[in-house]
């Protein structure tokens, strides 16, 4: 008996879904990101308008002043859909856990100079509330935004900010104990140095225009806060003064900011390039929220950096303005 094995090539009837093929302009293989993003949001047969907002459809592009011919023009340069996002964050979580285990098992937190540990706690623990505000804001962007291409990464951003809040909680418990979390909340609510930032966060929580919220939170506040706190304060000040363990357990934050800034920049650039009206609107929003964020963060910069706060914070603001200029936003 003889058996002949042959390779048979089976030609697929189609390479992707019809709605994705229409986006690509041809029936050709699509990436998982494209299949998990293009036209996923319902656009027809939405039935009744929401009773809590009868002026708008459930998914309605009129919820923002930004106007786009195609809301799927936005692209995430990270190509994140649920699978790639969770795998990327799982790897980062493993690295973060390894850093916390290294510091905890070797008792490195106890080796920190007491004044340095105190200063790190004074700055980092109240930021838990800022991160949770960012979680709420990005959840709102996902809820009220239009088009999966931008609402999907907003939800990833929301969960990342929740994770950052949890990391900051662990740092408070690592360097002190549970009472430090209550003390941090008290400083957030009552310490005058934090009230400007608290006011900024609470003002963003009630913004109606979700794209203005995107600018105020993801572009402006994060664009100033992360370089100031995690680059200038933690990595350049605390680490150099004997606080390397603190820098280790904060490693996720600057890495995350560098990654997510690519998506924020791509989104702003796409919206600004759509029309001069969009570009002017985004520039106006950025300028207005930059003034508020600068006023809010100056006391935090002084708390963290002391007499060096002025020139360091000015460097951070100048870098942000240069970033905005590259995105087509003349400030």
Protein backbone atom coordinates (compact mmCIF):
# COMPACT_ATOMS: atom_id res chain seq x y z
CA UNK A 1 0.00 0.00 0.00
CA UNK A 2 1.40 3.40 -0.96
CA UNK A 3 0.33 6.79 0.46
CA UNK A 4 1.21 9.98 -1.38
CA UNK A 5 1.21 13.16 0.67
CA UNK A 6 0.55 16.36 -1.21
CA UNK A 7 0.33 19.99 -0.21
CA UNK A 8 -2.95 21.50 -1.26
CA UNK A 9 -3.35 25.25 -1.37
CA UNK A 10 -6.84 26.38 -0.42
CA UNK A 11 -7.70 29.84 -1.62
CA UNK A 12 -9.85 31.69 0.94
CA UNK A 13 -13.13 33.07 -0.32
CA UNK A 14 -12.32 36.36 1.40
CA UNK A 15 -9.45 37.71 3.50
CA UNK A 16 -11.29 39.82 6.04
CA UNK A 17 -14.70 41.18 6.98
CA UNK A 18 -16.59 43.22 4.41
CA UNK A 19 -16.62 46.43 6.46
CA UNK A 20 -12.85 46.17 6.98
CA UNK A 21 -12.30 45.49 3.28
CA UNK A 22 -14.23 48.66 2.47
CA UNK A 23 -11.87 50.58 4.75
CA UNK A 24 -8.79 49.02 3.18
CA UNK A 25 -10.10 49.56 -0.34
CA UNK A 26 -9.68 45.90 -1.28
CA UNK A 27 -10.25 42.42 0.08
CA UNK A 28 -6.78 41.82 1.44
CA UNK A 29 -5.49 40.39 4.74
CA UNK A 30 -6.09 42.78 7.64
CA UNK A 31 -4.31 43.01 10.96
CA UNK A 32 -6.05 42.02 14.17
CA UNK A 33 -5.89 45.67 15.19
CA UNK A 34 -7.78 46.72 12.07
CA UNK A 35 -10.40 44.02 12.49
CA UNK A 36 -10.86 44.90 16.15
CA UNK A 37 -11.13 48.64 15.51
CA UNK A 38 -12.75 49.61 12.20
CA UNK A 39 -16.48 50.35 12.44
CA UNK A 40 -16.97 48.30 15.58
CA UNK A 41 -19.13 50.99 17.19
CA UNK A 42 -22.84 50.74 16.25
CA UNK A 43 -23.98 53.57 14.00
CA UNK A 44 -27.49 52.54 12.91
CA UNK A 45 -30.66 51.33 14.58
CA UNK A 46 -29.84 52.93 17.91
CA UNK A 47 -33.55 53.09 18.78
CA UNK A 48 -34.40 55.64 21.45
CA UNK A 49 -32.32 58.63 22.48
CA UNK A 50 -31.03 58.35 26.06
CA UNK A 51 -33.54 59.78 28.52
CA UNK A 52 -30.71 61.45 30.44
CA UNK A 53 -29.59 63.36 27.31
CA UNK A 54 -32.40 63.54 24.75
CA UNK A 55 -30.51 66.09 22.65
CA UNK A 56 -28.04 63.43 21.49
CA UNK A 57 -28.06 59.94 20.09
CA UNK A 58 -26.41 57.25 22.19
CA UNK A 59 -23.32 57.52 19.96
CA UNK A 60 -23.24 61.06 18.66
CA UNK A 61 -20.36 63.02 17.05
CA UNK A 62 -22.05 66.24 18.18
CA UNK A 63 -20.89 65.68 21.75
CA UNK A 64 -17.68 67.57 20.87
CA UNK A 65 -16.88 70.71 18.93
CA UNK A 66 -14.15 68.84 17.04
CA UNK A 67 -15.40 67.90 13.59
CA UNK A 68 -14.06 64.94 11.64
CA UNK A 69 -15.12 63.62 8.24
CA UNK A 70 -14.19 60.15 9.40
CA UNK A 71 -13.79 59.37 13.09
CA UNK A 72 -11.86 56.25 12.13
CA UNK A 73 -9.04 58.42 10.81
CA UNK A 74 -7.49 58.10 14.27
CA UNK A 75 -4.86 55.40 14.55
CA UNK A 76 -3.08 54.03 17.59
CA UNK A 77 0.63 53.72 16.68
CA UNK A 78 0.92 50.99 19.32
CA UNK A 79 -1.68 48.94 17.38
CA UNK A 80 -3.42 48.02 20.62
CA UNK A 81 -6.53 45.93 20.61
CA UNK A 82 -7.56 43.92 23.66
CA UNK A 83 -5.16 41.05 23.07
CA UNK A 84 -2.00 43.06 22.41
CA UNK A 85 -2.84 45.53 25.17
CA UNK A 86 -3.28 42.90 27.87
CA UNK A 87 -0.14 41.04 26.82
CA UNK A 88 1.94 44.22 26.91
CA UNK A 89 0.63 45.21 30.33
CA UNK A 90 1.12 41.68 31.68
CA UNK A 91 4.82 41.87 30.82
CA UNK A 92 5.10 45.27 32.48
CA UNK A 93 3.22 44.00 35.53
CA UNK A 94 5.73 41.18 35.89
CA UNK A 95 8.60 43.66 35.78
CA UNK A 96 6.89 45.92 38.32
CA UNK A 97 6.23 42.99 40.66
CA UNK A 98 9.87 41.98 40.41
CA UNK A 99 10.94 45.51 41.41
CA UNK A 100 8.59 45.59 44.40
CA UNK A 101 9.74 42.09 45.48
CA UNK A 102 13.39 43.10 45.19
CA UNK A 103 12.90 46.19 47.35
CA UNK A 104 10.67 44.45 49.91
CA UNK A 105 12.66 41.22 50.40
CA UNK A 106 15.95 43.09 50.86
CA UNK A 107 14.53 45.73 53.13
CA UNK A 108 15.75 48.53 50.90
CA UNK A 109 12.96 50.89 51.96
CA UNK A 110 14.49 51.01 55.44
CA UNK A 111 17.81 52.21 54.01
CA UNK A 112 16.32 55.45 52.68
CA UNK A 113 17.26 58.68 54.48
CA UNK A 114 14.22 59.59 56.61
CA UNK A 115 13.86 63.08 55.17
CA UNK A 116 14.00 61.73 51.61
CA UNK A 117 11.42 59.05 52.36
CA UNK A 118 9.19 61.71 53.90
CA UNK A 119 9.49 63.94 50.85
CA UNK A 120 8.71 61.06 48.47
CA UNK A 121 5.61 60.17 50.47
CA UNK A 122 4.45 63.79 50.62
CA UNK A 123 4.57 64.01 46.81
CA UNK A 124 3.56 60.54 45.65
CA UNK A 125 0.73 59.49 47.95
CA UNK A 126 -1.67 62.38 47.14
CA UNK A 127 -1.13 61.65 43.45
CA UNK A 128 -3.27 58.54 43.94
CA UNK A 129 -6.26 60.85 43.72
CA UNK A 130 -4.98 62.49 40.54
CA UNK A 131 -4.57 59.10 38.90
CA UNK A 132 -8.07 58.05 39.93
CA UNK A 133 -9.44 61.28 38.48
CA UNK A 134 -7.65 60.43 35.24
CA UNK A 135 -9.28 57.00 35.34
CA UNK A 136 -12.73 58.58 35.62
CA UNK A 137 -11.95 61.09 32.87
CA UNK A 138 -10.76 58.51 30.36
CA UNK A 139 -13.75 56.32 31.15
CA UNK A 140 -15.95 59.32 30.31
CA UNK A 141 -14.07 59.81 27.02
CA UNK A 142 -14.76 56.18 26.14
CA UNK A 143 -18.43 56.53 27.10
CA UNK A 144 -19.16 59.76 25.24
CA UNK A 145 -16.56 59.67 22.47
CA UNK A 146 -17.30 58.67 18.90
CA UNK A 147 -15.57 55.90 16.99
CA UNK A 148 -13.81 52.83 18.35
CA UNK A 149 -10.50 54.06 16.95
CA UNK A 150 -10.28 56.64 19.74
CA UNK A 151 -12.65 55.36 22.43
CA UNK A 152 -10.94 51.96 22.65
CA UNK A 153 -7.51 53.33 23.67
CA UNK A 154 -9.25 55.77 26.04
CA UNK A 155 -10.50 52.78 28.03
CA UNK A 156 -6.99 51.30 28.05
CA UNK A 157 -5.75 54.67 29.32
CA UNK A 158 -8.38 54.60 32.06
CA UNK A 159 -7.27 51.17 33.28
CA UNK A 160 -3.62 52.20 33.14
CA UNK A 161 -4.34 55.20 35.36
CA UNK A 162 -6.16 52.95 37.81
CA UNK A 163 -3.08 50.74 37.86
CA UNK A 164 -0.88 53.78 38.55
CA UNK A 165 -3.12 54.70 41.48
CA UNK A 166 -2.65 51.18 42.84
CA UNK A 167 1.13 51.36 42.42
CA UNK A 168 1.18 54.65 44.34
CA UNK A 169 -0.87 53.01 47.08
CA UNK A 170 1.66 50.19 47.31
CA UNK A 171 4.51 52.68 47.48
CA UNK A 172 2.80 54.40 50.41
CA UNK A 173 2.46 51.06 52.19
CA UNK A 174 6.04 50.12 51.31
CA UNK A 175 7.61 53.28 52.71
CA UNK A 176 5.21 53.67 55.66
CA UNK A 177 1.91 52.01 56.61
CA UNK A 178 -1.83 52.29 56.08
CA UNK A 179 -2.02 55.48 58.13
CA UNK A 180 0.06 57.19 55.44
CA UNK A 181 -2.77 56.69 52.94
CA UNK A 182 -5.16 58.54 55.24
CA UNK A 183 -2.58 61.25 55.76
CA UNK A 184 -2.17 61.56 52.00
CA UNK A 185 -5.93 61.95 51.60
CA UNK A 186 -5.93 64.65 54.28
CA UNK A 187 -3.20 66.54 52.44
CA UNK A 188 -5.13 66.21 49.18
CA UNK A 189 -8.28 67.60 50.78
CA UNK A 190 -6.83 70.21 53.13
CA UNK A 191 -3.22 71.12 52.33
CA UNK A 192 -3.12 74.42 50.43
CA UNK A 193 -0.28 73.22 48.21
CA UNK A 194 -2.55 70.59 46.67
CA UNK A 195 -5.73 72.62 46.25
CA UNK A 196 -4.82 74.02 42.83
CA UNK A 197 -4.28 70.54 41.42
CA UNK A 198 -7.38 69.25 43.19
CA UNK A 199 -9.39 72.09 41.63
CA UNK A 200 -7.97 71.23 38.19
CA UNK A 201 -8.96 67.57 38.55
CA UNK A 202 -12.45 68.38 39.79
CA UNK A 203 -13.00 70.90 37.00
CA UNK A 204 -12.13 68.27 34.40
CA UNK A 205 -14.57 65.81 35.95
CA UNK A 206 -17.50 68.00 34.88
CA UNK A 207 -16.37 68.85 31.33
CA UNK A 208 -19.07 68.14 28.77
CA UNK A 209 -16.95 68.17 25.61
CA UNK A 210 -15.10 64.86 25.66
CA UNK A 211 -12.36 65.96 23.27
CA UNK A 212 -11.64 69.03 25.38
CA UNK A 213 -11.37 66.59 28.27
CA UNK A 214 -8.89 64.57 26.20
CA UNK A 215 -6.78 67.72 25.80
CA UNK A 216 -7.05 68.79 29.44
CA UNK A 217 -6.24 65.35 30.86
CA UNK A 218 -4.15 63.29 28.48
CA UNK A 219 -2.26 66.06 26.72
CA UNK A 220 -1.85 68.90 29.21
CA UNK A 221 -1.99 67.53 32.74
CA UNK A 222 -0.20 64.25 32.05
CA UNK A 223 2.19 66.11 29.74
CA UNK A 224 3.38 68.27 32.65
CA UNK A 225 2.84 66.01 35.67
CA UNK A 226 4.74 62.92 34.55
CA UNK A 227 7.95 64.67 33.41
CA UNK A 228 7.90 66.84 36.55
CA UNK A 229 7.28 64.12 39.13
CA UNK A 230 8.73 60.93 37.68
CA UNK A 231 11.58 62.32 35.60
CA UNK A 232 12.75 65.46 37.37
CA UNK A 233 11.83 64.51 40.95
CA UNK A 234 12.01 60.72 41.25
CA UNK A 235 14.66 59.74 38.70
CA UNK A 236 16.89 62.82 38.88
CA UNK A 237 16.47 64.04 42.45
CA UNK A 238 15.34 61.20 44.69
CA UNK A 239 17.49 58.53 42.99
CA UNK A 240 20.61 60.71 43.18
CA UNK A 241 20.06 61.41 46.88
CA UNK A 242 20.01 57.74 47.87
CA UNK A 243 16.45 56.87 46.87
CA UNK A 244 17.15 54.38 44.08
CA UNK A 245 14.59 51.92 45.57
CA UNK A 246 11.85 54.53 45.09
CA UNK A 247 12.92 55.01 41.47
CA UNK A 248 12.76 51.23 40.97
CA UNK A 249 9.17 50.87 42.15
CA UNK A 250 8.14 53.94 40.09
CA UNK A 251 9.69 52.58 36.89
CA UNK A 252 6.33 51.82 35.27
CA UNK A 253 5.18 55.44 35.27
CA UNK A 254 7.84 57.09 33.05
CA UNK A 255 7.89 54.06 30.73
CA UNK A 256 4.10 54.22 30.43
CA UNK A 257 4.14 57.95 29.78
CA UNK A 258 6.69 57.61 26.98
CA UNK A 259 4.56 54.89 25.36
CA UNK A 260 1.15 56.51 25.75
CA UNK A 261 2.42 59.91 24.59
CA UNK A 262 2.84 58.42 21.13
CA UNK A 263 -0.89 57.68 20.99
CA UNK A 264 -1.90 61.05 22.46
CA UNK A 265 0.34 62.91 19.99
CA UNK A 266 -0.99 60.89 17.03
CA UNK A 267 -4.59 61.60 18.04
CA UNK A 268 -4.06 65.34 18.51
CA UNK A 269 -2.08 65.59 15.28
CA UNK A 270 -4.81 63.79 13.31
CA UNK A 271 -7.57 66.03 14.68
CA UNK A 272 -5.54 69.22 14.10
CA UNK A 273 -4.66 68.23 10.55
CA UNK A 274 -8.34 67.69 9.69
CA UNK A 275 -9.12 71.41 9.40
CA UNK A 276 -7.84 74.87 10.44
CA UNK A 277 -10.91 75.16 12.67
CA UNK A 278 -9.95 72.02 14.55
CA UNK A 279 -6.35 73.18 14.89
CA UNK A 280 -7.39 76.56 16.30
CA UNK A 281 -9.90 74.97 18.68
CA UNK A 282 -7.32 72.50 19.99
CA UNK A 283 -4.72 75.26 20.36
CA UNK A 284 -7.18 77.39 22.32
CA UNK A 285 -8.08 74.51 24.62
CA UNK A 286 -4.42 73.62 25.13
CA UNK A 287 -3.45 77.20 25.94
CA UNK A 288 -6.30 77.62 28.42
CA UNK A 289 -5.67 74.36 30.23
CA UNK A 290 -1.91 74.90 30.18
CA UNK A 291 -2.36 78.09 32.21
CA UNK A 292 -4.50 76.24 34.73
CA UNK A 293 -2.15 73.27 34.93
CA UNK A 294 0.90 75.49 35.39
CA UNK A 295 -0.73 77.31 38.30
CA UNK A 296 -1.87 74.01 39.81
CA UNK A 297 1.50 72.28 39.59
CA UNK A 298 3.79 75.09 40.74
CA UNK A 299 3.17 74.39 44.46
CA UNK A 300 3.69 70.66 43.85
CA UNK A 301 6.98 71.42 42.08
CA UNK A 302 8.08 73.52 45.07
CA UNK A 303 7.10 70.73 47.47
CA UNK A 304 9.15 68.24 45.48
CA UNK A 305 12.16 70.28 44.37
CA UNK A 306 12.41 73.13 46.85
CA UNK A 307 14.36 76.15 45.67
CA UNK A 308 15.20 74.45 42.38
CA UNK A 309 11.53 74.17 41.44
CA UNK A 310 11.36 77.37 39.36
CA UNK A 311 13.97 76.61 36.67
CA UNK A 312 13.16 72.88 36.59
CA UNK A 313 9.44 73.46 36.12
CA UNK A 314 10.15 76.08 33.47
CA UNK A 315 12.14 73.44 31.58
CA UNK A 316 9.19 71.04 31.77
CA UNK A 317 6.76 73.69 30.50
CA UNK A 318 9.09 74.70 27.64
CA UNK A 319 9.40 71.06 26.59
CA UNK A 320 5.63 70.75 26.57
CA UNK A 321 5.22 73.86 24.42
CA UNK A 322 7.74 72.47 21.94
CA UNK A 323 5.79 69.19 21.86
CA UNK A 324 2.53 71.05 21.22
CA UNK A 325 4.13 73.02 18.40
CA UNK A 326 5.16 69.82 16.66
CA UNK A 327 1.53 68.66 16.81
CA UNK A 328 0.32 71.73 14.94
CA UNK A 329 -0.86 73.63 18.01
CA UNK A 330 0.65 77.12 18.10
CA UNK A 331 0.39 78.26 21.72
